[in-house]
Amino acid sequence: MKILITGATGLFGSHLAKSFAPIGELHGLIRPNSSKSMLGSLQDQITWHEGDLSDVVALEECLEGKDLVIHAAGLVSFNPEDQEKLMQVNTKGTENLINSMLETGVSKIIHISSVAALGRSPEINLIDEEHKWVESNWNTPYAISKHLADLEVWRGVQEGLSALIVYPSILMGRIADQRSSTQIYNYVLEENSYYPKGRVNYIDVRDAAELVLRLFTAEKWNEGFILNSDAIPYKDFFEEMAKAFGKKAPNKEVQDWMLEFALFFTTIGRKLGLTKSPLNRQTAMLSQLELIMDNSKVNRMLDFAYRPLAETLAWAKSNES
């Protein structure tokens, strides 16, 4: 089996490459100057094709003869200034990939979406795969771009493709990875004082990659699955993290009124070029919600034991790959 992975050099893509390496010949779509360091020695076992999701010619060339596409490439950003870039990379890039698959006859895709793509509404605390997307001020530009990317994949299904879509929550990798989802560690490492009053949904990136492989092996085509280990209060999450890292845990709960001041100064600082903080009204208020991403569908289908949070955090601070 010949497998093309987009985003193989990223956090999730590199772990997916490690999980799928035993079952197929790996190919990777890579942009010039991208670092392959997260793949370790596996990088030498991957056949690389230079290009990106905006290059249709390169996409069609590297798709020729492939049996499966794992689409893990994408942009994660909560900076309001990146709205257009998110649409170009996540939505238009996925549209280009689907069209190229249809053109070259590659029929199977594993699409890495995000729980954000399922949408948010403040009156609903439990979200599953059937959650209906509604226009809402709670949906970030990132969420919108991923939701529209999902629609491109479902369009491909209507035109004959077989798709498996997964919706991972916050992916917990190693501190050293310094990717977007692992930035949450820095909050505790810097010993910040405040914690949001909402819940954090998370999963060890190694568990997420293993779940994708098992869903693929079980041939769960044309379905979507939330990948989430647990949803716990930020207070408990940060306390566990502080204990593992030998740091002082945040001990003051953020009240809604405090966010107004934080948002004001962050907005001014960003305009003056003094800060690159991703904090905005949407991300701040979302962190205050008691949201739970329901993982019962995948749990019913697979007998899977998630790594305990303490084990993930011990690995996060280690040098193990």
Protein backbone atom coordinates (compact mmCIF):
# COMPACT_ATOMS: atom_id res chain seq x y z
CA MET A 1 0.00 0.00 0.00
CA LYS A 2 1.29 3.46 -0.95
CA ILE A 3 0.28 6.18 1.50
CA LEU A 4 0.62 9.92 0.91
CA ILE A 5 0.68 12.06 4.07
CA THR A 6 0.23 15.81 3.94
CA GLY A 7 1.62 17.55 7.02
CA ALA A 8 3.90 14.63 7.86
CA THR A 9 6.45 16.98 9.42
CA GLY A 10 3.92 18.38 11.93
CA LEU A 11 2.99 17.16 15.39
CA PHE A 12 0.09 14.88 14.48
CA GLY A 13 1.35 14.08 10.99
CA SER A 14 4.67 12.78 12.31
CA HIS A 15 2.94 10.46 14.79
CA LEU A 16 0.54 9.27 12.11
CA ALA A 17 3.55 8.47 9.92
CA LYS A 18 5.02 6.39 12.76
CA SER A 19 1.73 4.53 13.25
CA PHE A 20 1.15 3.80 9.55
CA ALA A 21 4.77 3.01 8.62
CA PRO A 22 4.40 -0.75 9.34
CA ILE A 23 1.46 -1.14 6.94
CA GLY A 24 2.57 0.76 3.87
CA GLU A 25 5.10 2.68 1.81
CA LEU A 26 5.07 6.27 3.05
CA HIS A 27 5.18 9.35 0.85
CA GLY A 28 5.14 12.91 2.11
CA LEU A 29 4.16 16.25 0.61
CA ILE A 30 6.65 18.79 1.92
CA ARG A 31 7.23 22.50 1.50
CA PRO A 32 10.78 23.71 0.81
CA ASN A 33 12.82 24.27 3.99
CA SER A 34 10.37 22.39 6.26
CA SER A 35 12.09 20.64 9.16
CA LYS A 36 11.76 16.85 9.31
CA SER A 37 13.17 16.63 12.84
CA MET A 38 9.96 15.42 14.49
CA LEU A 39 10.14 12.25 12.39
CA GLY A 40 13.54 11.19 13.69
CA SER A 41 15.04 8.32 11.71
CA LEU A 42 11.69 7.68 9.99
CA GLN A 43 12.29 10.70 7.74
CA ASP A 44 14.77 8.62 5.69
CA GLN A 45 12.11 5.96 5.05
CA ILE A 46 9.66 8.43 3.49
CA THR A 47 9.67 9.34 -0.20
CA TRP A 48 9.33 13.13 -0.28
CA HIS A 49 7.49 15.20 -2.88
CA GLU A 50 8.08 18.95 -2.83
CA GLY A 51 5.01 21.16 -3.06
CA ASP A 52 2.06 22.39 -1.04
CA LEU A 53 -1.74 22.37 -1.07
CA SER A 54 -1.94 25.41 -3.32
CA ASP A 55 0.06 23.68 -6.07
CA VAL A 56 -2.42 21.53 -8.00
CA VAL A 57 0.20 20.25 -10.43
CA ALA A 58 2.42 19.05 -7.58
CA LEU A 59 -0.60 17.49 -5.84
CA GLU A 60 -1.60 15.50 -8.91
CA GLU A 61 1.98 14.34 -9.50
CA CYS A 62 2.48 13.03 -5.97
CA LEU A 63 -0.99 11.41 -5.89
CA GLU A 64 -0.30 9.23 -8.91
CA GLY A 65 -0.31 5.55 -7.90
CA LYS A 66 -1.25 6.13 -4.26
CA ASP A 67 -3.81 4.01 -2.42
CA LEU A 68 -4.52 6.26 0.58
CA VAL A 69 -4.17 9.91 1.54
CA ILE A 70 -3.79 11.02 5.15
CA HIS A 71 -4.54 14.74 5.14
CA ALA A 72 -2.91 16.18 8.26
CA ALA A 73 -1.64 19.46 6.82
CA GLY A 74 -3.25 22.66 8.01
CA LEU A 75 -2.82 25.98 9.73
CA VAL A 76 -3.75 26.46 13.38
CA SER A 77 -4.06 30.10 14.38
CA PHE A 78 -6.33 32.17 16.59
CA ASN A 79 -4.86 35.46 15.46
CA PRO A 80 -7.65 37.57 13.89
CA GLU A 81 -5.20 38.76 11.26
CA ASP A 82 -4.80 35.20 9.90
CA GLN A 83 -8.42 34.76 8.82
CA GLU A 84 -7.70 34.87 5.07
CA LYS A 85 -4.65 32.62 5.43
CA LEU A 86 -6.72 30.05 7.34
CA MET A 87 -9.24 29.94 4.51
CA GLN A 88 -6.52 29.56 1.89
CA VAL A 89 -4.62 26.78 3.67
CA ASN A 90 -7.37 24.82 5.42
CA THR A 91 -10.35 25.26 3.13
CA LYS A 92 -8.95 25.99 -0.33
CA GLY A 93 -6.07 23.58 0.27
CA THR A 94 -8.48 20.76 1.12
CA GLU A 95 -10.61 21.64 -1.91
CA ASN A 96 -7.52 21.37 -4.13
CA LEU A 97 -6.59 18.02 -2.59
CA ILE A 98 -10.08 16.55 -3.06
CA ASN A 99 -10.24 17.74 -6.67
CA SER A 100 -6.78 16.28 -7.35
CA MET A 101 -7.80 12.94 -5.84
CA LEU A 102 -10.87 12.81 -8.05
CA GLU A 103 -8.74 13.71 -11.06
CA THR A 104 -6.09 11.04 -10.39
CA GLY A 105 -8.44 8.28 -9.20
CA VAL A 106 -7.15 8.03 -5.61
CA SER A 107 -10.28 7.06 -3.70
CA LYS A 108 -9.48 6.89 0.03
CA ILE A 109 -8.72 9.73 2.42
CA ILE A 110 -8.27 10.05 6.18
CA HIS A 111 -9.03 13.69 6.92
CA ILE A 112 -7.66 15.22 10.11
CA SER A 113 -10.22 17.80 11.16
CA SER A 114 -10.64 19.31 14.65
CA VAL A 115 -13.29 19.38 17.37
CA ALA A 116 -13.48 23.10 16.57
CA ALA A 117 -15.02 22.17 13.19
CA LEU A 118 -18.09 20.77 14.95
CA GLY A 119 -19.05 24.28 16.05
CA ARG A 120 -19.87 25.88 19.37
CA SER A 121 -23.00 27.24 20.95
CA PRO A 122 -23.03 28.38 24.59
CA GLU A 123 -26.31 26.64 25.43
CA ILE A 124 -24.92 23.19 24.52
CA ASN A 125 -22.24 21.72 26.80
CA LEU A 126 -21.97 18.18 25.36
CA ILE A 127 -20.89 18.00 21.71
CA ASP A 128 -20.80 14.82 19.65
CA GLU A 129 -20.25 14.00 15.98
CA GLU A 130 -23.90 14.78 15.18
CA HIS A 131 -23.73 18.32 16.54
CA LYS A 132 -25.30 20.59 13.94
CA TRP A 133 -23.16 23.50 12.85
CA VAL A 134 -24.88 26.83 13.36
CA GLU A 135 -23.64 30.33 12.65
CA SER A 136 -22.42 31.61 15.99
CA ASN A 137 -20.14 34.27 17.45
CA TRP A 138 -18.47 31.40 19.31
CA ASN A 139 -17.02 29.91 16.11
CA THR A 140 -13.48 31.16 15.53
CA PRO A 141 -12.05 31.78 12.02
CA TYR A 142 -10.00 28.60 12.54
CA ALA A 143 -13.18 26.62 13.32
CA ILE A 144 -14.93 28.03 10.25
CA SER A 145 -12.02 27.16 7.97
CA LYS A 146 -11.93 23.58 9.27
CA HIS A 147 -15.72 23.20 9.03
CA LEU A 148 -15.64 24.33 5.39
CA ALA A 149 -12.74 21.93 4.77
CA ASP A 150 -14.91 19.11 6.13
CA LEU A 151 -17.64 20.07 3.66
CA GLU A 152 -15.12 19.70 0.83
CA VAL A 153 -14.32 16.18 2.04
CA TRP A 154 -18.02 15.25 2.22
CA ARG A 155 -18.42 16.65 -1.30
CA GLY A 156 -15.68 14.26 -2.36
CA VAL A 157 -17.62 11.40 -0.77
CA GLN A 158 -20.68 12.35 -2.83
CA GLU A 159 -18.47 12.20 -5.91
CA GLY A 160 -17.15 8.71 -5.09
CA LEU A 161 -14.40 9.02 -2.49
CA SER A 162 -14.26 7.03 0.75
CA ALA A 163 -13.42 9.23 3.73
CA LEU A 164 -12.68 8.77 7.40
CA ILE A 165 -12.83 12.07 9.32
CA VAL A 166 -11.41 12.45 12.81
CA TYR A 167 -11.94 15.38 15.17
CA PRO A 168 -9.06 15.52 17.68
CA SER A 169 -9.22 17.78 20.72
CA ILE A 170 -6.04 19.44 22.06
CA LEU A 171 -3.17 17.16 21.05
CA MET A 172 -0.62 16.74 23.80
CA GLY A 173 2.88 16.20 22.50
CA ARG A 174 6.26 16.94 24.02
CA ILE A 175 7.27 20.33 25.40
CA ALA A 176 10.26 20.29 23.04
CA ASP A 177 7.94 20.05 20.02
CA GLN A 178 6.78 23.65 20.53
CA ARG A 179 3.87 23.25 18.16
CA SER A 180 0.59 25.14 18.46
CA SER A 181 -1.20 22.63 20.66
CA THR A 182 1.77 22.10 22.98
CA GLN A 183 1.96 25.85 23.76
CA ILE A 184 -0.49 25.17 26.60
CA TYR A 185 2.47 23.82 28.60
CA ASN A 186 4.10 27.24 28.55
CA TYR A 187 1.24 28.70 30.57
CA VAL A 188 2.22 26.57 33.55
CA LEU A 189 5.95 26.69 32.90
CA GLU A 190 5.72 30.49 33.15
CA GLU A 191 3.81 30.10 36.44
CA ASN A 192 0.84 32.26 35.48
CA SER A 193 -1.57 32.94 38.34
CA TYR A 194 -5.02 32.60 36.74
CA TYR A 195 -6.94 29.65 35.36
CA PRO A 196 -10.13 29.72 33.22
CA LYS A 197 -13.26 28.32 34.83
CA GLY A 198 -14.11 26.10 31.86
CA ARG A 199 -12.96 22.62 30.86
CA VAL A 200 -10.09 21.49 28.68
CA ASN A 201 -10.54 18.58 26.24
CA TYR A 202 -7.30 16.80 25.46
CA ILE A 203 -5.71 13.62 24.12
CA ASP A 204 -2.16 12.26 24.02
CA VAL A 205 -1.02 12.60 20.40
CA ARG A 206 0.25 8.98 20.49
CA ASP A 207 -3.23 7.76 21.49
CA ALA A 208 -4.81 9.85 18.75
CA ALA A 209 -2.51 8.36 16.09
CA GLU A 210 -3.19 4.83 17.32
CA LEU A 211 -6.95 5.43 17.22
CA VAL A 212 -6.73 6.63 13.61
CA LEU A 213 -4.84 3.49 12.61
CA ARG A 214 -7.38 1.26 14.34
CA LEU A 215 -10.33 3.06 12.75
CA PHE A 216 -8.67 2.66 9.36
CA THR A 217 -8.01 -1.03 9.99
CA ALA A 218 -11.68 -1.44 10.98
CA GLU A 219 -12.64 0.26 7.67
CA LYS A 220 -14.91 2.87 9.24
CA TRP A 221 -15.39 4.78 6.00
CA ASN A 222 -17.67 7.77 5.52
CA GLU A 223 -17.96 8.40 9.24
CA GLY A 224 -16.60 10.96 11.69
CA PHE A 225 -15.08 10.30 15.11
CA ILE A 226 -14.17 12.62 17.98
CA LEU A 227 -10.74 11.79 19.43
CA ASN A 228 -10.70 12.96 23.04
CA SER A 229 -9.29 11.32 26.14
CA ASP A 230 -11.03 13.43 28.76
CA ALA A 231 -12.56 16.81 29.61
CA ILE A 232 -11.51 18.17 32.99
CA PRO A 233 -11.57 21.61 34.63
CA TYR A 234 -8.62 23.81 33.71
CA LYS A 235 -7.88 24.11 37.43
CA ASP A 236 -7.31 20.34 37.78
CA PHE A 237 -5.49 20.16 34.45
CA PHE A 238 -3.02 22.89 35.39
CA GLU A 239 -2.51 21.48 38.90
CA GLU A 240 -1.58 18.09 37.43
CA MET A 241 0.75 19.77 34.97
CA ALA A 242 2.39 21.93 37.66
CA LYS A 243 3.02 18.86 39.79
CA ALA A 244 4.66 17.06 36.87
CA PHE A 245 6.81 20.05 35.91
CA GLY A 246 7.73 21.17 39.43
CA LYS A 247 6.02 24.54 39.01
CA LYS A 248 3.51 26.59 40.96
CA ALA A 249 -0.03 25.98 39.73
CA PRO A 250 -2.39 28.82 38.80
CA ASN A 251 -4.57 29.42 41.84
CA LYS A 252 -6.95 32.25 40.90
CA GLU A 253 -10.09 31.71 38.85
CA VAL A 254 -10.65 34.06 35.93
CA GLN A 255 -13.92 35.96 36.27
CA ASP A 256 -15.73 37.08 33.13
CA TRP A 257 -15.31 40.77 33.97
CA MET A 258 -11.54 40.35 34.09
CA LEU A 259 -11.45 39.32 30.45
CA GLU A 260 -12.61 42.75 29.33
CA PHE A 261 -9.45 44.35 30.76
CA ALA A 262 -7.19 41.62 29.40
CA LEU A 263 -8.74 41.87 25.94
CA PHE A 264 -8.43 45.65 25.90
CA PHE A 265 -4.73 45.68 26.72
CA THR A 266 -4.00 42.73 24.41
CA THR A 267 -5.71 44.50 21.50
CA ILE A 268 -3.74 47.70 22.10
CA GLY A 269 -0.49 45.76 22.51
CA ARG A 270 -1.05 43.80 19.30
CA LYS A 271 -1.73 46.98 17.30
CA LEU A 272 1.45 48.55 18.68
CA GLY A 273 3.44 45.43 17.89
CA LEU A 274 4.15 44.78 21.56
CA THR A 275 2.51 41.35 21.79
CA LYS A 276 1.57 38.41 19.60
CA SER A 277 -0.88 37.01 22.14
CA PRO A 278 -3.63 34.93 20.46
CA LEU A 279 -6.09 36.04 23.14
CA ASN A 280 -9.27 37.52 21.68
CA ARG A 281 -12.89 37.67 22.75
CA GLN A 282 -13.77 34.29 21.22
CA THR A 283 -10.85 32.26 22.58
CA ALA A 284 -11.15 33.91 25.99
CA MET A 285 -14.86 33.22 26.37
CA LEU A 286 -14.53 29.67 25.01
CA SER A 287 -12.06 28.90 27.80
CA GLN A 288 -14.77 29.84 30.28
CA LEU A 289 -17.26 27.26 28.94
CA GLU A 290 -17.94 23.83 30.46
CA LEU A 291 -17.65 22.10 27.08
CA ILE A 292 -17.26 18.31 26.83
CA MET A 293 -16.35 16.60 23.56
CA ASP A 294 -18.19 13.29 23.66
CA ASN A 295 -15.87 10.38 22.81
CA SER A 296 -18.47 7.65 23.35
CA LYS A 297 -18.78 6.78 19.64
CA VAL A 298 -15.17 5.74 19.20
CA ASN A 299 -15.19 4.08 22.63
CA ARG A 300 -18.16 1.91 21.65
CA MET A 301 -16.39 0.87 18.47
CA LEU A 302 -12.90 0.22 19.83
CA ASP A 303 -11.68 -1.31 23.05
CA PHE A 304 -9.10 1.35 23.78
CA ALA A 305 -7.22 2.32 26.95
CA TYR A 306 -6.14 5.97 27.00
CA ARG A 307 -2.87 6.95 28.63
CA PRO A 308 -3.35 8.62 32.04
CA LEU A 309 -2.66 12.36 32.08
CA ALA A 310 0.27 11.87 34.48
CA GLU A 311 1.91 9.48 32.01
CA THR A 312 1.44 11.92 29.15
CA LEU A 313 2.95 14.77 31.15
CA ALA A 314 5.94 12.66 32.19
CA TRP A 315 6.56 11.91 28.51
CA ALA A 316 5.95 15.55 27.55
CA LYS A 317 8.95 16.74 29.57
CA SER A 318 11.21 13.86 28.49
CA ASN A 319 13.49 13.57 25.48
CA GLU A 320 11.71 10.47 24.18
CA SER A 321 10.27 10.74 20.68
